[in-house]
Protein backbone atom coordinates (compact mmCIF):
# COMPACT_ATOMS: atom_id res chain seq x y z
CA MET A 1 -38.46 44.25 42.74
CA GLY A 2 -41.38 41.78 42.84
CA LEU A 3 -45.10 41.69 42.64
CA ALA A 4 -45.70 42.40 46.34
CA MET A 5 -45.50 45.95 47.70
CA GLU A 6 -42.89 46.47 50.37
CA GLU A 7 -42.19 48.99 53.05
CA PRO A 8 -39.97 51.89 51.91
CA VAL A 9 -36.29 51.55 52.76
CA TRP A 10 -36.02 55.16 53.89
CA PRO A 11 -38.21 56.72 56.58
CA ALA A 12 -40.93 59.18 55.52
CA ILE A 13 -40.15 62.88 55.67
CA THR A 14 -41.66 64.38 58.83
CA PRO A 15 -43.40 67.86 58.99
CA ASP A 16 -40.58 69.25 61.21
CA GLU A 17 -37.93 67.96 58.77
CA ALA A 18 -39.84 69.37 55.81
CA ALA A 19 -40.03 72.74 57.53
CA ALA A 20 -36.31 72.87 58.24
CA ALA A 21 -35.51 72.02 54.62
CA LEU A 22 -37.94 74.62 53.28
CA ASP A 23 -36.26 77.31 55.41
CA CYS A 24 -33.13 76.86 53.21
CA PHE A 25 -34.98 77.97 50.08
CA PRO A 26 -36.04 81.66 49.98
CA GLY A 27 -39.64 82.23 48.93
CA ALA A 28 -40.78 78.61 49.57
CA GLY A 29 -42.84 79.88 52.52
CA THR A 30 -43.93 78.07 55.65
CA ILE A 31 -45.21 74.53 55.66
CA GLU A 32 -48.98 73.97 55.89
CA ALA A 33 -49.30 70.23 55.16
CA LEU A 34 -47.66 67.18 53.68
CA ARG A 35 -50.02 65.90 50.99
CA TRP A 36 -48.40 62.66 49.90
CA HIS A 37 -45.31 60.50 50.52
CA SER A 38 -43.58 58.70 47.64
CA PRO A 39 -43.25 54.86 47.87
CA ARG A 40 -40.13 54.84 45.65
CA PRO A 41 -37.30 52.75 46.98
CA PHE A 42 -34.12 54.75 46.58
CA SER A 43 -35.01 58.04 48.26
CA ALA A 44 -37.84 59.71 50.20
CA ALA A 45 -40.13 62.43 48.81
CA THR A 46 -43.20 64.33 49.80
CA LEU A 47 -45.64 66.80 48.25
CA ILE A 48 -45.73 69.91 50.41
CA GLN A 49 -48.34 72.63 50.57
CA SER A 50 -46.84 75.78 51.99
CA SER A 51 -47.67 79.49 52.08
CA GLY A 52 -45.41 79.82 49.04
CA GLY A 53 -47.13 77.20 46.91
CA ALA A 54 -46.94 73.50 46.18
CA PHE A 55 -43.55 71.76 46.13
CA LEU A 56 -41.87 68.33 45.87
CA LEU A 57 -39.22 67.85 48.53
CA LYS A 58 -36.86 64.94 47.86
CA ARG A 59 -34.42 63.55 50.38
CA HIS A 60 -31.37 61.41 49.82
CA ASP A 61 -28.93 59.56 52.04
CA ARG A 62 -25.66 61.51 51.60
CA ARG A 63 -23.88 58.30 50.58
CA VAL A 64 -26.27 58.07 47.59
CA ARG A 65 -26.40 61.68 46.59
CA GLY A 66 -24.47 64.64 47.92
CA VAL A 67 -24.81 68.24 46.83
CA ALA A 68 -22.19 67.74 44.13
CA GLY A 69 -23.95 64.66 42.75
CA LEU A 70 -27.32 66.44 42.61
CA ALA A 71 -25.65 69.42 40.95
CA GLU A 72 -24.71 67.10 38.03
CA GLU A 73 -28.28 66.19 37.28
CA HIS A 74 -29.62 69.64 38.11
CA GLY A 75 -27.24 71.14 35.46
CA PHE A 76 -28.90 68.87 32.92
CA ASN A 77 -32.34 69.80 34.19
CA ALA A 78 -31.61 73.49 33.89
CA HIS A 79 -30.27 73.04 30.33
CA LEU A 80 -33.44 71.23 29.29
CA ALA A 81 -35.65 73.96 30.81
CA ALA A 82 -33.74 76.64 28.97
CA ALA A 83 -34.27 74.63 25.76
CA GLY A 84 -37.98 74.54 26.30
CA MET A 85 -38.41 71.03 27.67
CA PRO A 86 -41.17 70.84 30.34
CA VAL A 87 -39.34 69.88 33.56
CA PRO A 88 -40.07 70.84 37.14
CA GLU A 89 -38.80 74.14 38.38
CA LEU A 90 -35.70 73.77 40.48
CA TRP A 91 -35.44 75.97 43.67
CA ARG A 92 -32.15 77.33 44.89
CA THR A 93 -30.71 78.59 48.15
CA GLN A 94 -29.77 82.17 48.83
CA GLU A 95 -26.22 81.18 47.69
CA GLY A 96 -27.56 79.65 44.48
CA ALA A 97 -27.08 75.99 45.43
CA SER A 98 -29.61 73.54 44.05
CA ALA A 99 -29.43 71.19 47.11
CA VAL A 100 -28.67 71.40 50.80
CA THR A 101 -27.14 69.09 53.37
CA LEU A 102 -28.83 68.79 56.79
CA GLY A 103 -27.32 66.09 59.06
CA ALA A 104 -27.14 62.73 57.27
CA TRP A 105 -29.45 63.83 54.48
CA THR A 106 -29.31 65.82 51.23
CA TYR A 107 -32.45 67.70 50.07
CA GLU A 108 -33.63 69.10 46.77
CA LEU A 109 -36.76 71.16 46.21
CA HIS A 110 -38.90 71.35 43.05
CA GLY A 111 -42.02 73.32 42.23
CA ARG A 112 -45.00 71.15 41.61
CA ALA A 113 -45.19 70.55 37.92
CA ALA A 114 -48.11 70.56 35.47
CA GLY A 115 -49.86 67.37 34.55
CA ALA A 116 -51.58 64.38 36.14
CA ASP A 117 -49.49 61.76 37.89
CA LEU A 118 -51.51 58.87 36.35
CA TYR A 119 -49.00 56.14 37.32
CA ARG A 120 -48.28 57.41 40.83
CA ASP A 121 -49.64 54.26 42.50
CA CYS A 122 -48.11 51.80 40.04
CA GLN A 123 -45.03 49.85 40.79
CA SER A 124 -41.88 51.05 39.19
CA TRP A 125 -41.20 49.94 35.59
CA THR A 126 -44.84 49.08 35.00
CA PRO A 127 -45.89 49.07 31.32
CA PHE A 128 -47.90 51.88 29.71
CA ARG A 129 -51.69 51.64 30.03
CA SER A 130 -52.04 51.97 26.33
CA HIS A 131 -50.11 52.12 23.08
CA ASP A 132 -51.29 55.74 22.77
CA HIS A 133 -49.39 56.50 26.00
CA ALA A 134 -46.33 54.62 24.65
CA ARG A 135 -46.50 56.69 21.48
CA ALA A 136 -46.84 59.95 23.33
CA ALA A 137 -43.83 58.99 25.61
CA GLY A 138 -41.71 58.21 22.51
CA ARG A 139 -42.48 61.57 21.08
CA ALA A 140 -41.50 63.28 24.41
CA LEU A 141 -38.33 61.29 24.58
CA ALA A 142 -37.29 62.52 21.11
CA GLN A 143 -38.07 66.06 22.17
CA LEU A 144 -35.79 65.55 25.26
CA HIS A 145 -33.01 64.36 23.01
CA ARG A 146 -33.40 67.34 20.73
CA ALA A 147 -33.36 69.61 23.84
CA SER A 148 -30.31 67.83 25.20
CA SER A 149 -28.24 68.56 22.12
CA GLY A 150 -25.31 70.90 22.89
CA TYR A 151 -25.10 69.97 26.56
CA ALA A 152 -21.46 69.18 26.92
CA ALA A 153 -21.04 68.29 30.60
CA PRO A 154 -18.70 65.31 31.20
CA THR A 155 -19.95 61.94 32.39
CA ARG A 156 -20.92 61.84 36.03
CA LYS A 157 -18.50 60.85 38.81
CA VAL A 158 -18.67 57.31 40.20
CA GLN A 159 -21.71 57.14 42.64
CA PRO A 160 -24.54 54.74 43.35
CA LEU A 161 -27.66 54.46 41.14
CA VAL A 162 -26.50 56.11 37.93
CA ALA A 163 -27.16 54.56 34.48
CA SER A 164 -23.67 54.97 33.10
CA PHE A 165 -22.52 53.60 29.75
CA THR A 166 -18.90 52.41 29.91
CA ILE A 167 -19.12 48.63 29.48
CA LEU A 168 -21.11 47.84 26.30
CA PRO A 169 -19.46 50.44 24.07
CA ALA A 170 -16.02 49.08 24.98
CA THR A 171 -14.19 46.98 22.48
CA ASP A 172 -13.27 44.72 25.47
CA PRO A 173 -16.44 44.76 27.55
CA MET A 174 -15.01 42.25 30.10
CA ALA A 175 -12.08 44.63 30.77
CA ALA A 176 -14.48 47.48 31.14
CA ALA A 177 -16.66 45.41 33.51
CA GLU A 178 -13.54 44.57 35.57
CA ALA A 179 -12.77 48.30 35.87
CA TYR A 180 -16.45 49.09 36.78
CA VAL A 181 -16.35 46.50 39.59
CA ARG A 182 -12.96 47.53 40.93
CA ALA A 183 -14.26 51.08 41.31
CA ARG A 184 -17.04 49.93 43.63
CA PRO A 185 -15.84 48.00 46.75
CA ALA A 186 -19.33 46.85 47.83
CA LEU A 187 -20.05 45.41 44.46
CA SER A 188 -16.61 43.81 44.31
CA GLY A 189 -17.18 42.17 47.62
CA PHE A 190 -20.64 40.89 46.66
CA LEU A 191 -19.28 39.32 43.43
CA ALA A 192 -16.09 37.90 45.01
CA ASP A 193 -17.46 34.39 45.62
CA ARG A 194 -19.55 34.25 42.43
CA PRO A 195 -18.55 33.12 38.92
CA TRP A 196 -19.52 36.58 37.65
CA ARG A 197 -16.78 36.84 35.00
CA ARG A 198 -17.92 33.64 33.35
CA GLN A 199 -21.54 34.61 33.56
CA LEU A 200 -21.01 38.11 32.05
CA ALA A 201 -18.74 36.65 29.37
CA ALA A 202 -21.52 34.26 28.37
CA LEU A 203 -23.97 37.20 28.04
CA PHE A 204 -21.59 39.17 25.95
CA ALA A 205 -20.93 36.14 23.71
CA ALA A 206 -24.67 35.56 23.28
CA SER A 207 -25.85 39.10 22.64
CA GLY A 208 -22.88 41.41 22.45
CA ASP A 209 -20.76 40.12 19.59
CA GLY A 210 -19.89 43.20 17.45
CA LEU A 211 -21.97 45.52 19.63
CA ALA A 212 -19.14 47.97 20.17
CA GLN A 213 -18.78 48.48 16.48
CA VAL A 214 -22.55 49.03 16.11
CA LEU A 215 -22.47 51.65 18.90
CA ALA A 216 -19.29 53.39 17.66
CA GLY A 217 -21.23 55.60 15.25
CA GLN A 218 -23.69 56.84 17.84
CA LYS A 219 -23.15 60.40 19.12
CA PRO A 220 -22.68 60.82 22.92
CA LEU A 221 -25.65 62.66 24.48
CA TRP A 222 -26.84 63.44 27.98
CA THR A 223 -29.96 61.34 28.46
CA HIS A 224 -32.70 60.53 31.01
CA ASN A 225 -32.01 56.80 31.37
CA ASP A 226 -35.10 56.04 33.49
CA TRP A 227 -37.93 56.55 31.02
CA HIS A 228 -40.98 54.96 32.39
CA PRO A 229 -44.64 56.05 32.86
CA SER A 230 -44.34 57.10 36.49
CA ASN A 231 -41.54 59.56 35.66
CA LEU A 232 -43.99 61.43 33.38
CA LEU A 233 -46.91 63.72 34.10
CA TRP A 234 -49.78 63.59 31.66
CA ALA A 235 -52.10 66.10 29.97
CA LYS A 236 -55.84 65.45 29.49
CA ASP A 237 -55.32 64.68 25.82
CA GLY A 238 -52.89 61.82 26.67
CA THR A 239 -49.68 63.67 25.80
CA VAL A 240 -46.74 64.07 28.11
CA GLU A 241 -46.91 67.39 29.97
CA THR A 242 -43.86 67.19 32.25
CA VAL A 243 -40.73 64.98 32.52
CA PHE A 244 -39.13 64.54 35.91
CA ASP A 245 -36.69 62.48 37.98
CA PHE A 246 -33.22 62.89 36.38
CA GLY A 247 -31.49 60.81 39.09
CA LEU A 248 -30.16 58.27 36.63
CA ALA A 249 -29.24 60.78 33.97
CA ASP A 250 -25.72 60.69 32.47
CA ARG A 251 -23.86 61.09 29.25
CA THR A 252 -24.75 58.00 27.24
CA SER A 253 -26.42 58.13 23.75
CA ALA A 254 -29.89 58.41 22.22
CA VAL A 255 -29.96 54.70 21.37
CA HIS A 256 -29.08 53.81 25.01
CA ASP A 257 -31.97 55.95 26.22
CA LEU A 258 -34.45 54.60 23.66
CA ALA A 259 -33.41 50.96 24.34
CA THR A 260 -33.71 51.63 28.12
CA ALA A 261 -37.18 53.09 27.55
CA ILE A 262 -38.28 49.97 25.70
CA GLU A 263 -36.73 47.71 28.31
CA ARG A 264 -38.54 49.63 31.07
CA THR A 265 -41.92 49.80 29.55
CA ALA A 266 -42.67 47.02 27.01
CA PHE A 267 -42.32 44.16 29.44
CA ALA A 268 -44.12 42.99 32.52
CA TRP A 269 -40.80 42.11 34.18
CA LEU A 270 -42.25 41.73 37.65
CA ALA A 271 -44.12 38.64 36.38
CA LEU A 272 -40.83 37.04 35.13
CA GLY A 273 -40.50 33.60 36.75
CA GLU A 274 -44.19 33.50 37.72
CA GLY A 275 -45.10 30.92 35.09
CA ARG A 276 -45.87 33.00 32.02
CA ASP A 277 -42.52 34.17 30.85
CA ASP A 278 -43.49 33.79 27.17
CA GLY A 279 -46.26 36.35 27.65
CA ILE A 280 -44.51 39.24 29.46
CA ALA A 281 -43.58 41.21 26.28
CA ASP A 282 -45.65 43.74 24.31
CA PRO A 283 -43.90 44.37 20.99
CA GLY A 284 -46.81 46.72 20.00
CA ALA A 285 -45.92 49.01 22.91
CA ALA A 286 -42.25 49.07 21.81
CA LEU A 287 -43.23 49.83 18.24
CA ALA A 288 -45.65 52.57 19.33
CA LEU A 289 -42.89 54.17 21.42
CA ILE A 290 -40.54 54.09 18.38
CA ALA A 291 -43.28 55.50 16.14
CA GLY A 292 -43.78 58.36 18.63
CA TYR A 293 -40.04 58.97 18.63
CA GLN A 294 -39.97 59.14 14.89
CA MET A 295 -42.61 61.86 14.81
CA VAL A 296 -39.90 64.20 16.06
CA GLY A 297 -36.59 62.63 15.26
CA PRO A 298 -36.46 60.27 12.25
CA MET A 299 -34.35 57.17 12.85
CA ASP A 300 -32.11 55.72 10.21
CA ALA A 301 -31.45 51.99 9.87
CA ALA A 302 -28.18 52.17 11.82
CA MET A 303 -29.85 53.79 14.78
CA MET A 304 -32.63 51.32 14.84
CA GLU A 305 -30.36 48.32 14.51
CA ALA A 306 -28.32 49.73 17.42
CA VAL A 307 -31.42 49.90 19.61
CA VAL A 308 -32.36 46.35 18.75
CA ARG A 309 -28.85 45.00 19.29
CA LEU A 310 -28.44 46.93 22.55
CA LEU A 311 -31.81 45.93 24.05
CA PRO A 312 -30.92 42.55 25.61
CA LEU A 313 -27.94 44.03 27.52
CA VAL A 314 -28.87 47.66 28.03
CA HIS A 315 -29.81 47.10 31.69
CA ILE A 316 -26.48 45.59 32.73
CA GLU A 317 -24.64 48.65 33.95
CA PHE A 318 -27.51 49.95 36.03
CA ALA A 319 -28.12 46.50 37.49
CA LEU A 320 -24.54 46.48 38.65
CA SER A 321 -25.09 49.90 40.21
CA GLU A 322 -28.22 48.68 41.99
CA ILE A 323 -26.16 45.69 43.35
CA ASP A 324 -23.54 48.08 44.62
CA TYR A 325 -26.21 50.12 46.41
CA PHE A 326 -27.98 47.11 47.96
CA ALA A 327 -24.76 45.34 49.00
CA GLY A 328 -23.22 48.58 50.45
CA ILE A 329 -25.45 51.41 51.45
CA ALA A 330 -28.73 49.55 52.02
CA GLY A 331 -27.08 46.53 53.55
CA ASP A 332 -29.57 44.21 51.94
CA PRO A 333 -27.85 41.09 50.55
CA ASP A 334 -31.13 39.49 49.52
CA ALA A 335 -32.03 42.44 47.34
CA ALA A 336 -28.49 42.46 45.91
CA GLN A 337 -28.89 38.73 45.04
CA LEU A 338 -32.21 39.42 43.39
CA ALA A 339 -30.73 42.25 41.34
CA TRP A 340 -27.96 39.93 40.13
CA GLU A 341 -29.91 36.77 39.42
CA GLY A 342 -33.37 38.10 38.65
CA TYR A 343 -32.57 41.43 37.03
CA LEU A 344 -29.13 41.39 35.48
CA LEU A 345 -28.91 37.74 34.49
CA GLY A 346 -32.61 37.06 34.28
CA HIS A 347 -33.59 39.83 31.88
CA ALA A 348 -30.60 39.05 29.62
CA ASP A 349 -31.37 35.38 29.61
CA TRP A 350 -35.02 36.03 28.66
CA PHE A 351 -33.89 37.63 25.38
CA GLN A 352 -32.26 34.33 24.47
CA SER A 353 -35.56 32.51 24.84
CA VAL A 354 -37.87 31.79 21.93
CA ALA A 355 -40.15 34.61 23.18
CA GLY A 356 -37.19 37.00 23.45
CA GLN A 357 -35.89 36.21 19.96
CA ASP A 358 -39.38 36.65 18.63
CA PHE A 359 -39.65 40.01 20.26
CA LEU A 360 -36.44 41.26 18.70
CA ALA A 361 -37.61 39.87 15.27
CA ARG A 362 -40.90 41.71 15.58
CA LEU A 363 -39.01 45.02 16.24
CA ARG A 364 -36.84 44.47 13.16
CA ALA A 365 -39.89 43.52 11.01
CA GLY A 366 -41.94 46.38 12.32
CA ARG A 367 -39.25 48.90 11.40
CA GLY A 368 -38.24 47.20 8.06
CA LEU A 369 -34.76 46.19 9.14
């Protein structure tokens, strides 16, 4: 959550542990080597070479994801695959389950997917290397939304680290925020001695006036909700070859997913507060992503206006989910405080700055709004 790299929260998967997990998936073979360990913060993962091929094994603390929680995102993954979207192959147990529980952990296994992991060593939410990559990612996002059409699963059950969408579309966002906090005891405890109601109300007054009405016309859709370069694998021609990591997926809307993609990739957020806050944004990257999206799915003025209006606040619900995770499961009050002050409040406040208002104006001008 800053410029410095940190030790992973969760221990690396060991060879013996990987072998035990592989035994649960028929045809995966016997382990030969672990080729790489992911530095991502919320779970552990490793690339495995086995007699059955190459795989990605991902491990979760059961309090973060159980078998039922993974089944929700795996159902979406399977729907996308059936619709022709390039996603990793999901392996199943003899009983047909897409995940297994061993001790305190839950495991999922994916076949190694096609494409180069060009952003593997970058920190999360790092901007694209080029506007061409942003354009290609926008095109792939529109393809995903087209493939998602018709997937009618309900919204996910309450659990940590999901990018749900219940507060901003509500006609009374403060009441919706109250309900969100009440449903998460660790988050409620963290906020108990903070003036969070006043602070959220100020954000909604500054950026959310009339937002529910703008969002009301947007069709619900299952979406990725974590669209950044390191969740994409790349072809040699610079196009997106595979999309992965559906851990934050939920039933939101296309404009939520597109605004999230811009928020994740058009800003050097890790430099916020480091003395150059007016230079962290790249409106050209945002416009390239939108242009790529429009190559597949034309956007009308109402959809584009919804994206621009949503952008300053689109991160709020996931930021609250992160705080719930850090304050509860991870037991890291410093990270929870950083997620509240630096992420939730800090990002929203930036959009009220001269640079933030200029960024939004450039998006409107670039799309003729």
